[in-house]
Amino acid sequence: MQRVAPMRTITFAISMNISSTDVESILQQWSAVQGARVTAHGRLARRYKTEDVSMHWHITGLKAGMGTVEVTYDPETGKLEVSVHDNRRGYWALSAYRDLGKTLSRRRQRNQS
């Protein structure tokens, strides 16, 4: 049996009016400032991950050892998760996932006003 590395996750309930394309655009802008790149991993349909139309992205630092932040968004429910696996956090990803969480939270609050 394969052991899954522990991970830390921030979960948001955002507007269901935002599309996956909009989320990806926000991620692209944020990652450019962070010195990272976004890779879309498409829809996740495996039972042990997310189901249905959820979209998933990896944000990886451009320099070796930076680590990877993962983002999953379900446009049907408005649930957005920002995660970092302990085995992928590198020297950047742990603080970066928190920063991205704050950025998304501020964006969400502006959109609700």
PDB file of N, CA and C in Angstrom:
ATOM      1  N   MET A   1       0.835  -1.182   0.000  1.00  0.00           N
ATOM      2  CA  MET A   1       0.000   0.000   0.000  1.00  0.00           C
ATOM      3  C   MET A   1       0.879   1.245   0.000  1.00  0.00           C
ATOM      4  N   GLN A   2       0.604   2.149  -0.912  1.00  0.00           N
ATOM      5  CA  GLN A   2       1.377   3.381  -1.026  1.00  0.00           C
ATOM      6  C   GLN A   2       0.908   4.384   0.016  1.00  0.00           C
ATOM      7  N   ARG A   3       1.848   5.004   0.700  1.00  0.00           N
ATOM      8  CA  ARG A   3       1.526   5.992   1.732  1.00  0.00           C
ATOM      9  C   ARG A   3       1.515   7.377   1.106  1.00  0.00           C
ATOM     10  N   VAL A   4       0.471   8.141   1.361  1.00  0.00           N
ATOM     11  CA  VAL A   4       0.334   9.486   0.830  1.00  0.00           C
ATOM     12  C   VAL A   4       0.940  10.461   1.825  1.00  0.00           C
ATOM     13  N   ALA A   5       1.760  11.387   1.310  1.00  0.00           N
ATOM     14  CA  ALA A   5       2.393  12.385   2.176  1.00  0.00           C
ATOM     15  C   ALA A   5       1.343  13.315   2.765  1.00  0.00           C
ATOM     16  N   PRO A   6       1.509  13.688   4.038  1.00  0.00           N
ATOM     17  CA  PRO A   6       0.583  14.655   4.647  1.00  0.00           C
ATOM     18  C   PRO A   6       0.605  15.971   3.876  1.00  0.00           C
ATOM     19  N   MET A   7      -0.512  16.664   3.902  1.00  0.00           N
ATOM     20  CA  MET A   7      -0.550  17.957   3.235  1.00  0.00           C
ATOM     21  C   MET A   7      -1.338  18.950   4.051  1.00  0.00           C
ATOM     22  N   ARG A   8      -1.086  20.203   3.762  1.00  0.00           N
ATOM     23  CA  ARG A   8      -1.791  21.311   4.413  1.00  0.00           C
ATOM     24  C   ARG A   8      -2.688  21.943   3.363  1.00  0.00           C
ATOM     25  N   THR A   9      -3.904  22.295   3.774  1.00  0.00           N
ATOM     26  CA  THR A   9      -4.881  22.816   2.817  1.00  0.00           C
ATOM     27  C   THR A   9      -5.632  23.996   3.418  1.00  0.00           C
ATOM     28  N   ILE A  10      -5.847  25.009   2.573  1.00  0.00           N
ATOM     29  CA  ILE A  10      -6.725  26.127   2.890  1.00  0.00           C
ATOM     30  C   ILE A  10      -7.918  25.990   1.957  1.00  0.00           C
ATOM     31  N   THR A  11      -9.132  26.009   2.488  1.00  0.00           N
ATOM     32  CA  THR A  11     -10.337  25.853   1.679  1.00  0.00           C
ATOM     33  C   THR A  11     -11.156  27.136   1.717  1.00  0.00           C
ATOM     34  N   PHE A  12     -11.631  27.550   0.536  1.00  0.00           N
ATOM     35  CA  PHE A  12     -12.462  28.748   0.400  1.00  0.00           C
ATOM     36  C   PHE A  12     -13.778  28.386  -0.255  1.00  0.00           C
ATOM     37  N   ALA A  13     -14.812  29.096   0.126  1.00  0.00           N
ATOM     38  CA  ALA A  13     -16.072  29.052  -0.616  1.00  0.00           C
ATOM     39  C   ALA A  13     -16.122  30.384  -1.357  1.00  0.00           C
ATOM     40  N   ILE A  14     -15.903  30.327  -2.667  1.00  0.00           N
ATOM     41  CA  ILE A  14     -15.896  31.562  -3.446  1.00  0.00           C
ATOM     42  C   ILE A  14     -17.137  31.607  -4.322  1.00  0.00           C
ATOM     43  N   SER A  15     -17.320  32.695  -5.002  1.00  0.00           N
ATOM     44  CA  SER A  15     -18.495  32.874  -5.856  1.00  0.00           C
ATOM     45  C   SER A  15     -18.579  31.777  -6.900  1.00  0.00           C
ATOM     46  N   MET A  16     -19.758  31.232  -7.059  1.00  0.00           N
ATOM     47  CA  MET A  16     -19.944  30.221  -8.091  1.00  0.00           C
ATOM     48  C   MET A  16     -20.033  30.870  -9.460  1.00  0.00           C
ATOM     49  N   ASN A  17     -19.936  32.201  -9.523  1.00  0.00           N
ATOM     50  CA  ASN A  17     -19.957  32.903 -10.799  1.00  0.00           C
ATOM     51  C   ASN A  17     -18.580  33.004 -11.428  1.00  0.00           C
ATOM     52  N   ILE A  18     -17.546  32.563 -10.738  1.00  0.00           N
ATOM     53  CA  ILE A  18     -16.200  32.637 -11.282  1.00  0.00           C
ATOM     54  C   ILE A  18     -15.887  31.341 -12.023  1.00  0.00           C
ATOM     55  N   SER A  19     -15.341  31.468 -13.195  1.00  0.00           N
ATOM     56  CA  SER A  19     -15.061  30.291 -14.018  1.00  0.00           C
ATOM     57  C   SER A  19     -13.673  29.743 -13.714  1.00  0.00           C
ATOM     58  N   SER A  20     -13.413  28.529 -14.159  1.00  0.00           N
ATOM     59  CA  SER A  20     -12.087  27.937 -14.016  1.00  0.00           C
ATOM     60  C   SER A  20     -11.052  28.766 -14.763  1.00  0.00           C
ATOM     61  N   THR A  21     -11.457  29.364 -15.878  1.00  0.00           N
ATOM     62  CA  THR A  21     -10.569  30.231 -16.645  1.00  0.00           C
ATOM     63  C   THR A  21     -10.181  31.457 -15.830  1.00  0.00           C
ATOM     64  N   ASP A  22     -11.146  32.024 -15.107  1.00  0.00           N
ATOM     65  CA  ASP A  22     -10.859  33.174 -14.239  1.00  0.00           C
ATOM     66  C   ASP A  22      -9.883  32.787 -13.130  1.00  0.00           C
ATOM     67  N   VAL A  23     -10.105  31.636 -12.523  1.00  0.00           N
ATOM     68  CA  VAL A  23      -9.208  31.168 -11.464  1.00  0.00           C
ATOM     69  C   VAL A  23      -7.807  30.983 -12.032  1.00  0.00           C
ATOM     70  N   GLU A  24      -7.712  30.366 -13.200  1.00  0.00           N
ATOM     71  CA  GLU A  24      -6.392  30.140 -13.804  1.00  0.00           C
ATOM     72  C   GLU A  24      -5.696  31.465 -14.110  1.00  0.00           C
ATOM     73  N   SER A  25      -6.445  32.462 -14.544  1.00  0.00           N
ATOM     74  CA  SER A  25      -5.870  33.781 -14.809  1.00  0.00           C
ATOM     75  C   SER A  25      -5.292  34.392 -13.534  1.00  0.00           C
ATOM     76  N   ILE A  26      -6.020  34.286 -12.429  1.00  0.00           N
ATOM     77  CA  ILE A  26      -5.530  34.779 -11.141  1.00  0.00           C
ATOM     78  C   ILE A  26      -4.249  34.037 -10.756  1.00  0.00           C
ATOM     79  N   LEU A  27      -4.250  32.719 -10.939  1.00  0.00           N
ATOM     80  CA  LEU A  27      -3.077  31.917 -10.603  1.00  0.00           C
ATOM     81  C   LEU A  27      -1.878  32.297 -11.459  1.00  0.00           C
ATOM     82  N   GLN A  28      -2.122  32.547 -12.750  1.00  0.00           N
ATOM     83  CA  GLN A  28      -1.030  32.939 -13.663  1.00  0.00           C
ATOM     84  C   GLN A  28      -0.408  34.256 -13.212  1.00  0.00           C
ATOM     85  N   GLN A  29      -1.254  35.236 -12.878  1.00  0.00           N
ATOM     86  CA  GLN A  29      -0.753  36.541 -12.437  1.00  0.00           C
ATOM     87  C   GLN A  29       0.048  36.405 -11.144  1.00  0.00           C
ATOM     88  N   TRP A  30      -0.484  35.673 -10.185  1.00  0.00           N
ATOM     89  CA  TRP A  30       0.185  35.502  -8.909  1.00  0.00           C
ATOM     90  C   TRP A  30       1.514  34.777  -9.082  1.00  0.00           C
ATOM     91  N   SER A  31       1.519  33.707  -9.867  1.00  0.00           N
ATOM     92  CA  SER A  31       2.739  32.907 -10.020  1.00  0.00           C
ATOM     93  C   SER A  31       3.840  33.680 -10.739  1.00  0.00           C
ATOM     94  N   ALA A  32       3.482  34.556 -11.672  1.00  0.00           N
ATOM     95  CA  ALA A  32       4.482  35.365 -12.374  1.00  0.00           C
ATOM     96  C   ALA A  32       5.255  36.243 -11.383  1.00  0.00           C
ATOM     97  N   VAL A  33       4.547  36.810 -10.431  1.00  0.00           N
ATOM     98  CA  VAL A  33       5.181  37.650  -9.402  1.00  0.00           C
ATOM     99  C   VAL A  33       6.055  36.795  -8.476  1.00  0.00           C
ATOM    100  N   GLN A  34       5.658  35.561  -8.269  1.00  0.00           N
ATOM    101  CA  GLN A  34       6.347  34.654  -7.339  1.00  0.00           C
ATOM    102  C   GLN A  34       7.553  33.944  -7.953  1.00  0.00           C
ATOM    103  N   GLY A  35       7.756  34.081  -9.260  1.00  0.00           N
ATOM    104  CA  GLY A  35       8.835  33.337  -9.907  1.00  0.00           C
ATOM    105  C   GLY A  35       8.494  31.870 -10.028  1.00  0.00           C
ATOM    106  N   ALA A  36       7.252  31.617 -10.436  1.00  0.00           N
ATOM    107  CA  ALA A  36       6.755  30.243 -10.543  1.00  0.00           C
ATOM    108  C   ALA A  36       5.946  30.100 -11.838  1.00  0.00           C
ATOM    109  N   ARG A  37       5.582  28.864 -12.162  1.00  0.00           N
ATOM    110  CA  ARG A  37       4.756  28.619 -13.352  1.00  0.00           C
ATOM    111  C   ARG A  37       3.558  27.755 -12.983  1.00  0.00           C
ATOM    112  N   VAL A  38       2.473  27.957 -13.713  1.00  0.00           N
ATOM    113  CA  VAL A  38       1.236  27.207 -13.486  1.00  0.00           C
ATOM    114  C   VAL A  38       1.124  26.128 -14.559  1.00  0.00           C
ATOM    115  N   THR A  39       0.819  24.919 -14.123  1.00  0.00           N
ATOM    116  CA  THR A  39       0.568  23.813 -15.047  1.00  0.00           C
ATOM    117  C   THR A  39      -0.822  23.266 -14.748  1.00  0.00           C
ATOM    118  N   ALA A  40      -1.683  23.301 -15.758  1.00  0.00           N
ATOM    119  CA  ALA A  40      -3.030  22.756 -15.581  1.00  0.00           C
ATOM    120  C   ALA A  40      -2.965  21.237 -15.635  1.00  0.00           C
ATOM    121  N   HIS A  41      -3.636  20.611 -14.701  1.00  0.00           N
ATOM    122  CA  HIS A  41      -3.715  19.154 -14.679  1.00  0.00           C
ATOM    123  C   HIS A  41      -5.132  18.692 -14.979  1.00  0.00           C
ATOM    124  N   GLY A  42      -5.953  19.595 -15.447  1.00  0.00           N
ATOM    125  CA  GLY A  42      -7.281  19.250 -15.916  1.00  0.00           C
ATOM    126  C   GLY A  42      -8.221  18.778 -14.840  1.00  0.00           C
ATOM    127  N   ARG A  43      -9.190  18.014 -15.268  1.00  0.00           N
ATOM    128  CA  ARG A  43     -10.228  17.520 -14.364  1.00  0.00           C
ATOM    129  C   ARG A  43      -9.737  16.310 -13.621  1.00  0.00           C
ATOM    130  N   LEU A  44     -10.108  16.243 -12.372  1.00  0.00           N
ATOM    131  CA  LEU A  44      -9.758  15.092 -11.545  1.00  0.00           C
ATOM    132  C   LEU A  44     -11.016  14.269 -11.331  1.00  0.00           C
ATOM    133  N   ALA A  45     -10.973  13.034 -11.680  1.00  0.00           N
ATOM    134  CA  ALA A  45     -12.163  12.192 -11.559  1.00  0.00           C
ATOM    135  C   ALA A  45     -11.887  10.936 -10.742  1.00  0.00           C
ATOM    136  N   ARG A  46     -10.746  10.886 -10.078  1.00  0.00           N
ATOM    137  CA  ARG A  46     -10.437   9.707  -9.274  1.00  0.00           C
ATOM    138  C   ARG A  46     -11.090   9.835  -7.913  1.00  0.00           C
ATOM    139  N   ARG A  47     -11.620   8.750  -7.395  1.00  0.00           N
ATOM    140  CA  ARG A  47     -12.341   8.782  -6.123  1.00  0.00           C
ATOM    141  C   ARG A  47     -11.510   9.360  -4.985  1.00  0.00           C
ATOM    142  N   TYR A  48     -10.231   9.074  -4.957  1.00  0.00           N
ATOM    143  CA  TYR A  48      -9.427   9.533  -3.836  1.00  0.00           C
ATOM    144  C   TYR A  48      -8.984  10.987  -3.996  1.00  0.00           C
ATOM    145  N   LYS A  49      -9.334  11.595  -5.089  1.00  0.00           N
ATOM    146  CA  LYS A  49      -9.051  13.018  -5.298  1.00  0.00           C
ATOM    147  C   LYS A  49     -10.389  13.745  -5.277  1.00  0.00           C
ATOM    148  N   THR A  50     -10.618  14.611  -6.251  1.00  0.00           N
ATOM    149  CA  THR A  50     -11.892  15.304  -6.339  1.00  0.00           C
ATOM    150  C   THR A  50     -12.682  14.690  -7.484  1.00  0.00           C
ATOM    151  N   GLU A  51     -13.952  14.945  -7.523  1.00  0.00           N
ATOM    152  CA  GLU A  51     -14.796  14.326  -8.533  1.00  0.00           C
ATOM    153  C   GLU A  51     -15.443  15.377  -9.409  1.00  0.00           C
ATOM    154  N   ASP A  52     -16.102  14.917 -10.456  1.00  0.00           N
ATOM    155  CA  ASP A  52     -16.912  15.730 -11.349  1.00  0.00           C
ATOM    156  C   ASP A  52     -16.075  16.733 -12.142  1.00  0.00           C
ATOM    157  N   VAL A  53     -16.421  18.005 -12.117  1.00  0.00           N
ATOM    158  CA  VAL A  53     -15.801  18.990 -13.004  1.00  0.00           C
ATOM    159  C   VAL A  53     -14.669  19.776 -12.349  1.00  0.00           C
ATOM    160  N   SER A  54     -14.189  19.347 -11.219  1.00  0.00           N
ATOM    161  CA  SER A  54     -13.127  20.076 -10.544  1.00  0.00           C
ATOM    162  C   SER A  54     -11.902  20.211 -11.444  1.00  0.00           C
ATOM    163  N   MET A  55     -11.283  21.372 -11.370  1.00  0.00           N
ATOM    164  CA  MET A  55     -10.057  21.629 -12.116  1.00  0.00           C
ATOM    165  C   MET A  55      -8.905  21.661 -11.121  1.00  0.00           C
ATOM    166  N   HIS A  56      -7.720  21.288 -11.597  1.00  0.00           N
ATOM    167  CA  HIS A  56      -6.565  21.157 -10.715  1.00  0.00           C
ATOM    168  C   HIS A  56      -5.334  21.737 -11.399  1.00  0.00           C
ATOM    169  N   TRP A  57      -4.552  22.499 -10.637  1.00  0.00           N
ATOM    170  CA  TRP A  57      -3.331  23.102 -11.155  1.00  0.00           C
ATOM    171  C   TRP A  57      -2.185  22.854 -10.186  1.00  0.00           C
ATOM    172  N   HIS A  58      -0.959  22.774 -10.729  1.00  0.00           N
ATOM    173  CA  HIS A  58       0.256  22.783  -9.924  1.00  0.00           C
ATOM    174  C   HIS A  58       0.971  24.088 -10.211  1.00  0.00           C
ATOM    175  N   ILE A  59       1.427  24.743  -9.160  1.00  0.00           N
ATOM    176  CA  ILE A  59       2.231  25.951  -9.294  1.00  0.00           C
ATOM    177  C   ILE A  59       3.602  25.595  -8.744  1.00  0.00           C
ATOM    178  N   THR A  60       4.572  25.563  -9.640  1.00  0.00           N
ATOM    179  CA  THR A  60       5.906  25.096  -9.302  1.00  0.00           C
ATOM    180  C   THR A  60       6.901  26.229  -9.435  1.00  0.00           C
ATOM    181  N   GLY A  61       7.776  26.353  -8.442  1.00  0.00           N
ATOM    182  CA  GLY A  61       8.818  27.369  -8.504  1.00  0.00           C
ATOM    183  C   GLY A  61       9.751  27.118  -9.672  1.00  0.00           C
ATOM    184  N   LEU A  62      10.247  28.203 -10.277  1.00  0.00           N
ATOM    185  CA  LEU A  62      11.134  28.089 -11.428  1.00  0.00           C
ATOM    186  C   LEU A  62      12.542  27.651 -11.040  1.00  0.00           C
ATOM    187  N   LYS A  63      12.926  27.853  -9.788  1.00  0.00           N
ATOM    188  CA  LYS A  63      14.245  27.443  -9.318  1.00  0.00           C
ATOM    189  C   LYS A  63      14.134  26.097  -8.613  1.00  0.00           C
ATOM    190  N   ALA A  64      15.164  25.293  -8.761  1.00  0.00           N
ATOM    191  CA  ALA A  64      15.189  23.976  -8.117  1.00  0.00           C
ATOM    192  C   ALA A  64      15.012  24.121  -6.605  1.00  0.00           C
ATOM    193  N   GLY A  65      14.213  23.243  -6.045  1.00  0.00           N
ATOM    194  CA  GLY A  65      14.024  23.210  -4.601  1.00  0.00           C
ATOM    195  C   GLY A  65      12.944  24.127  -4.056  1.00  0.00           C
ATOM    196  N   MET A  66      12.261  24.880  -4.944  1.00  0.00           N
ATOM    197  CA  MET A  66      11.230  25.793  -4.467  1.00  0.00           C
ATOM    198  C   MET A  66       9.983  25.053  -3.997  1.00  0.00           C
ATOM    199  N   GLY A  67       9.657  23.933  -4.622  1.00  0.00           N
ATOM    200  CA  GLY A  67       8.478  23.173  -4.239  1.00  0.00           C
ATOM    201  C   GLY A  67       7.286  23.447  -5.134  1.00  0.00           C
ATOM    202  N   THR A  68       6.133  22.875  -4.764  1.00  0.00           N
ATOM    203  CA  THR A  68       4.920  22.941  -5.576  1.00  0.00           C
ATOM    204  C   THR A  68       3.700  23.217  -4.701  1.00  0.00           C
ATOM    205  N   VAL A  69       2.882  24.160  -5.153  1.00  0.00           N
ATOM    206  CA  VAL A  69       1.588  24.456  -4.532  1.00  0.00           C
ATOM    207  C   VAL A  69       0.523  23.873  -5.452  1.00  0.00           C
ATOM    208  N   GLU A  70      -0.508  23.264  -4.900  1.00  0.00           N
ATOM    209  CA  GLU A  70      -1.599  22.695  -5.693  1.00  0.00           C
ATOM    210  C   GLU A  70      -2.882  23.469  -5.437  1.00  0.00           C
ATOM    211  N   VAL A  71      -3.661  23.651  -6.492  1.00  0.00           N
ATOM    212  CA  VAL A  71      -4.935  24.357  -6.391  1.00  0.00           C
ATOM    213  C   VAL A  71      -5.998  23.500  -7.070  1.00  0.00           C
ATOM    214  N   THR A  72      -7.117  23.301  -6.389  1.00  0.00           N
ATOM    215  CA  THR A  72      -8.250  22.569  -6.951  1.00  0.00           C
ATOM    216  C   THR A  72      -9.484  23.450  -6.816  1.00  0.00           C
ATOM    217  N   TYR A  73     -10.244  23.566  -7.908  1.00  0.00           N
ATOM    218  CA  TYR A  73     -11.433  24.413  -7.910  1.00  0.00           C
ATOM    219  C   TYR A  73     -12.606  23.655  -8.506  1.00  0.00           C
ATOM    220  N   ASP A  74     -13.737  23.695  -7.797  1.00  0.00           N
ATOM    221  CA  ASP A  74     -14.975  23.091  -8.285  1.00  0.00           C
ATOM    222  C   ASP A  74     -15.964  24.213  -8.595  1.00  0.00           C
ATOM    223  N   PRO A  75     -16.147  24.569  -9.855  1.00  0.00           N
ATOM    224  CA  PRO A  75     -17.036  25.677 -10.200  1.00  0.00           C
ATOM    225  C   PRO A  75     -18.501  25.417  -9.873  1.00  0.00           C
ATOM    226  N   GLU A  76     -18.893  24.166  -9.725  1.00  0.00           N
ATOM    227  CA  GLU A  76     -20.293  23.867  -9.400  1.00  0.00           C
ATOM    228  C   GLU A  76     -20.637  24.219  -7.956  1.00  0.00           C
ATOM    229  N   THR A  77     -19.662  24.121  -7.068  1.00  0.00           N
ATOM    230  CA  THR A  77     -19.912  24.406  -5.654  1.00  0.00           C
ATOM    231  C   THR A  77     -19.231  25.694  -5.189  1.00  0.00           C
ATOM    232  N   GLY A  78     -18.286  26.192  -5.978  1.00  0.00           N
ATOM    233  CA  GLY A  78     -17.527  27.372  -5.586  1.00  0.00           C
ATOM    234  C   GLY A  78     -16.432  27.058  -4.576  1.00  0.00           C
ATOM    235  N   LYS A  79     -16.113  25.787  -4.385  1.00  0.00           N
ATOM    236  CA  LYS A  79     -15.072  25.375  -3.430  1.00  0.00           C
ATOM    237  C   LYS A  79     -13.704  25.428  -4.103  1.00  0.00           C
ATOM    238  N   LEU A  80     -12.774  26.139  -3.465  1.00  0.00           N
ATOM    239  CA  LEU A  80     -11.415  26.258  -3.967  1.00  0.00           C
ATOM    240  C   LEU A  80     -10.457  25.859  -2.852  1.00  0.00           C
ATOM    241  N   GLU A  81      -9.533  24.958  -3.158  1.00  0.00           N
ATOM    242  CA  GLU A  81      -8.561  24.494  -2.178  1.00  0.00           C
ATOM    243  C   GLU A  81      -7.153  24.817  -2.649  1.00  0.00           C
ATOM    244  N   VAL A  82      -6.345  25.343  -1.743  1.00  0.00           N
ATOM    245  CA  VAL A  82      -4.933  25.608  -1.985  1.00  0.00           C
ATOM    246  C   VAL A  82      -4.177  24.693  -1.038  1.00  0.00           C
ATOM    247  N   SER A  83      -3.284  23.852  -1.581  1.00  0.00           N
ATOM    248  CA  SER A  83      -2.619  22.834  -0.768  1.00  0.00           C
ATOM    249  C   SER A  83      -1.126  22.781  -1.041  1.00  0.00           C
ATOM    250  N   VAL A  84      -0.412  22.233  -0.073  1.00  0.00           N
ATOM    251  CA  VAL A  84       0.992  21.889  -0.259  1.00  0.00           C
ATOM    252  C   VAL A  84       1.236  20.569   0.462  1.00  0.00           C
ATOM    253  N   HIS A  85       1.789  19.593  -0.273  1.00  0.00           N
ATOM    254  CA  HIS A  85       2.170  18.314   0.323  1.00  0.00           C
ATOM    255  C   HIS A  85       3.492  18.512   1.054  1.00  0.00           C
ATOM    256  N   ASP A  86       3.646  17.859   2.186  1.00  0.00           N
ATOM    257  CA  ASP A  86       4.891  17.980   2.946  1.00  0.00           C
ATOM    258  C   ASP A  86       6.108  17.583   2.113  1.00  0.00           C
ATOM    259  N   ASN A  87       5.945  16.614   1.213  1.00  0.00           N
ATOM    260  CA  ASN A  87       7.089  16.173   0.408  1.00  0.00           C
ATOM    261  C   ASN A  87       7.325  17.054  -0.825  1.00  0.00           C
ATOM    262  N   ARG A  88       6.535  18.126  -0.994  1.00  0.00           N
ATOM    263  CA  ARG A  88       6.707  19.031  -2.139  1.00  0.00           C
ATOM    264  C   ARG A  88       6.847  20.490  -1.710  1.00  0.00           C
ATOM    265  N   ARG A  89       7.057  20.738  -0.446  1.00  0.00           N
ATOM    266  CA  ARG A  89       7.006  22.125  -0.008  1.00  0.00           C
ATOM    267  C   ARG A  89       8.274  22.915  -0.285  1.00  0.00           C
ATOM    268  N   GLY A  90       9.409  22.274  -0.430  1.00  0.00           N
ATOM    269  CA  GLY A  90      10.636  22.990  -0.753  1.00  0.00           C
ATOM    270  C   GLY A  90      10.872  24.172   0.185  1.00  0.00           C
ATOM    271  N   TYR A  91      11.657  25.140  -0.269  1.00  0.00           N
ATOM    272  CA  TYR A  91      11.927  26.308   0.567  1.00  0.00           C
ATOM    273  C   TYR A  91      10.935  27.439   0.317  1.00  0.00           C
ATOM    274  N   TRP A  92      10.057  27.294  -0.670  1.00  0.00           N
ATOM    275  CA  TRP A  92       9.128  28.362  -1.056  1.00  0.00           C
ATOM    276  C   TRP A  92       7.662  27.991  -0.867  1.00  0.00           C
ATOM    277  N   ALA A  93       7.282  26.785  -1.207  1.00  0.00           N
ATOM    278  CA  ALA A  93       5.869  26.417  -1.346  1.00  0.00           C
ATOM    279  C   ALA A  93       5.053  26.539  -0.062  1.00  0.00           C
ATOM    280  N   LEU A  94       5.642  26.259   1.090  1.00  0.00           N
ATOM    281  CA  LEU A  94       4.867  26.333   2.328  1.00  0.00           C
ATOM    282  C   LEU A  94       4.402  27.762   2.598  1.00  0.00           C
ATOM    283  N   SER A  95       5.298  28.729   2.491  1.00  0.00           N
ATOM    284  CA  SER A  95       4.876  30.117   2.695  1.00  0.00           C
ATOM    285  C   SER A  95       4.067  30.621   1.499  1.00  0.00           C
ATOM    286  N   ALA A  96       4.362  30.104   0.309  1.00  0.00           N
ATOM    287  CA  ALA A  96       3.644  30.540  -0.888  1.00  0.00           C
ATOM    288  C   ALA A  96       2.178  30.132  -0.855  1.00  0.00           C
ATOM    289  N   TYR A  97       1.875  28.931  -0.355  1.00  0.00           N
ATOM    290  CA  TYR A  97       0.475  28.511  -0.331  1.00  0.00           C
ATOM    291  C   TYR A  97      -0.322  29.399   0.618  1.00  0.00           C
ATOM    292  N   ARG A  98       0.309  29.830   1.705  1.00  0.00           N
ATOM    293  CA  ARG A  98      -0.362  30.761   2.625  1.00  0.00           C
ATOM    294  C   ARG A  98      -0.579  32.117   1.954  1.00  0.00           C
ATOM    295  N   ASP A  99       0.436  32.592   1.238  1.00  0.00           N
ATOM    296  CA  ASP A  99       0.325  33.871   0.533  1.00  0.00           C
ATOM    297  C   ASP A  99      -0.768  33.813  -0.535  1.00  0.00           C
ATOM    298  N   LEU A 100      -0.808  32.721  -1.289  1.00  0.00           N
ATOM    299  CA  LEU A 100      -1.852  32.568  -2.304  1.00  0.00           C
ATOM    300  C   LEU A 100      -3.221  32.521  -1.639  1.00  0.00           C
ATOM    301  N   GLY A 101      -3.326  31.843  -0.513  1.00  0.00           N
ATOM    302  CA  GLY A 101      -4.592  31.809   0.222  1.00  0.00           C
ATOM    303  C   GLY A 101      -5.045  33.204   0.608  1.00  0.00           C
ATOM    304  N   LYS A 102      -4.125  34.036   1.110  1.00  0.00           N
ATOM    305  CA  LYS A 102      -4.457  35.417   1.471  1.00  0.00           C
ATOM    306  C   LYS A 102      -4.868  36.222   0.242  1.00  0.00           C
ATOM    307  N   THR A 103      -4.143  36.034  -0.854  1.00  0.00           N
ATOM    308  CA  THR A 103      -4.457  36.746  -2.100  1.00  0.00           C
ATOM    309  C   THR A 103      -5.859  36.391  -2.579  1.00  0.00           C
ATOM    310  N   LEU A 104      -6.190  35.112  -2.578  1.00  0.00           N
ATOM    311  CA  LEU A 104      -7.519  34.676  -3.018  1.00  0.00           C
ATOM    312  C   LEU A 104      -8.602  35.152  -2.068  1.00  0.00           C
ATOM    313  N   SER A 105      -8.308  35.168  -0.782  1.00  0.00           N
ATOM    314  CA  SER A 105      -9.281  35.637   0.198  1.00  0.00           C
ATOM    315  C   SER A 105      -9.588  37.122  -0.008  1.00  0.00           C
ATOM    316  N   ARG A 106      -8.543  37.924  -0.234  1.00  0.00           N
ATOM    317  CA  ARG A 106      -8.757  39.355  -0.498  1.00  0.00           C
ATOM    318  C   ARG A 106      -9.558  39.559  -1.778  1.00  0.00           C
ATOM    319  N   ARG A 107      -9.253  38.789  -2.798  1.00  0.00           N
ATOM    320  CA  ARG A 107      -9.970  38.889  -4.073  1.00  0.00           C
ATOM    321  C   ARG A 107     -11.433  38.525  -3.884  1.00  0.00           C
ATOM    322  N   ARG A 108     -11.677  37.486  -3.094  1.00  0.00           N
ATOM    323  CA  ARG A 108     -13.047  37.042  -2.818  1.00  0.00           C
ATOM    324  C   ARG A 108     -13.820  38.127  -2.086  1.00  0.00           C
ATOM    325  N   GLN A 109     -13.182  38.741  -1.087  1.00  0.00           N
ATOM    326  CA  GLN A 109     -13.855  39.794  -0.317  1.00  0.00           C
ATOM    327  C   GLN A 109     -14.184  41.007  -1.189  1.00  0.00           C
ATOM    328  N   ARG A 110     -13.281  41.364  -2.096  1.00  0.00           N
ATOM    329  CA  ARG A 110     -13.558  42.483  -3.011  1.00  0.00           C
ATOM    330  C   ARG A 110     -14.735  42.171  -3.930  1.00  0.00           C
ATOM    331  N   ASN A 111     -14.798  40.937  -4.401  1.00  0.00           N
ATOM    332  CA  ASN A 111     -15.873  40.537  -5.320  1.00  0.00           C
ATOM    333  C   ASN A 111     -17.227  40.465  -4.614  1.00  0.00           C
ATOM    334  N   GLN A 112     -17.243  40.235  -3.297  1.00  0.00           N
ATOM    335  CA  GLN A 112     -18.493  40.131  -2.564  1.00  0.00           C
ATOM    336  C   GLN A 112     -19.014  41.508  -2.143  1.00  0.00           C
ATOM    337  N   SER A 113     -18.156  42.524  -2.192  1.00  0.00           N
ATOM    338  CA  SER A 113     -18.564  43.880  -1.774  1.00  0.00           C
ATOM    339  C   SER A 113     -19.398  44.565  -2.832  1.00  0.00           C
TER     340      SER A 113
END
